Amino acid sequence: MTLLQRLALPILVLVVDVAYWVLTYEPAGTVLLFLFAIALGVMMMVLGPTLNDVGPTAPVDPDWHERRA
């Protein structure tokens, strides 16, 4: 996943933030959208590299059966 793909959603939120500011001049909503875009960008930079990972899997025990007591 490229850097642009990782940051596409935060950039889109920033574009919405700018449009919101231009259309309303309302500071509270603009600040909240801006902070959301920053938090989303940080999250995507930290967690983005792990999006395609399935993670470690446990070894399968052939003798185990869920219905056995």
Protein backbone atom coordinates (compact mmCIF):
# COMPACT_ATOMS: atom_id res chain seq x y z
CA MET A 1 0.00 0.00 0.00
CA THR A 2 1.52 3.30 -1.06
CA LEU A 3 1.70 6.46 1.02
CA LEU A 4 -0.92 8.15 -1.15
CA GLN A 5 -3.32 5.23 -0.69
CA ARG A 6 -2.79 5.34 3.07
CA LEU A 7 -3.44 9.06 3.25
CA ALA A 8 -6.33 9.24 0.77
CA LEU A 9 -9.05 9.17 3.43
CA PRO A 10 -7.41 11.77 5.72
CA ILE A 11 -6.83 14.02 2.69
CA LEU A 12 -10.49 13.64 1.73
CA VAL A 13 -11.50 14.65 5.26
CA LEU A 14 -9.24 17.71 4.99
CA VAL A 15 -10.91 18.64 1.69
CA VAL A 16 -14.32 18.33 3.37
CA ASP A 17 -12.96 20.42 6.25
CA VAL A 18 -11.88 23.22 3.91
CA ALA A 19 -15.22 23.12 2.09
CA TYR A 20 -17.04 23.21 5.44
CA TRP A 21 -15.03 26.25 6.52
CA VAL A 22 -15.62 28.09 3.24
CA LEU A 23 -19.35 27.38 3.28
CA THR A 24 -20.11 27.97 6.97
CA TYR A 25 -17.24 29.90 8.65
CA GLU A 26 -18.09 27.87 11.73
CA PRO A 27 -14.93 27.30 13.80
CA ALA A 28 -15.99 24.48 16.14
CA GLY A 29 -17.00 22.04 13.40
CA THR A 30 -13.96 22.98 11.34
CA VAL A 31 -11.61 22.26 14.24
CA LEU A 32 -13.32 18.94 14.94
CA LEU A 33 -13.03 17.86 11.30
CA PHE A 34 -9.39 18.97 11.24
CA LEU A 35 -8.58 16.99 14.40
CA PHE A 36 -10.40 13.97 12.98
CA ALA A 37 -8.30 14.19 9.80
CA ILE A 38 -5.07 14.41 11.82
CA ALA A 39 -6.06 11.47 14.04
CA LEU A 40 -7.08 9.42 11.00
CA GLY A 41 -3.78 10.22 9.31
CA VAL A 42 -1.78 9.15 12.36
CA MET A 43 -3.82 5.96 12.66
CA MET A 44 -3.30 5.10 8.99
CA MET A 45 0.44 5.75 9.22
CA VAL A 46 0.75 3.53 12.29
CA LEU A 47 -1.72 0.78 11.41
CA GLY A 48 -1.68 1.06 7.61
CA PRO A 49 1.30 -1.26 7.11
CA THR A 50 -0.59 -4.05 8.90
CA LEU A 51 -3.79 -3.87 6.82
CA ASN A 52 -2.94 -6.85 4.62
CA ASP A 53 -1.43 -8.99 7.38
CA VAL A 54 -3.37 -11.95 8.65
CA GLY A 55 -1.07 -12.26 11.64
CA PRO A 56 0.34 -15.34 13.24
CA THR A 57 -1.82 -18.43 13.37
CA ALA A 58 -1.76 -21.07 16.05
CA PRO A 59 -0.69 -24.58 15.15
CA VAL A 60 -3.57 -26.98 14.67
CA ASP A 61 -3.85 -29.83 17.15
CA PRO A 62 -5.15 -32.89 15.24
CA ASP A 63 -6.32 -34.57 18.50
CA TRP A 64 -8.49 -31.66 19.65
CA HIS A 65 -12.20 -31.68 18.99
CA GLU A 66 -14.52 -28.93 20.23
CA ARG A 67 -17.37 -31.31 21.09
CA ARG A 68 -15.30 -33.70 23.20
CA ALA A 69 -15.54 -33.20 26.95
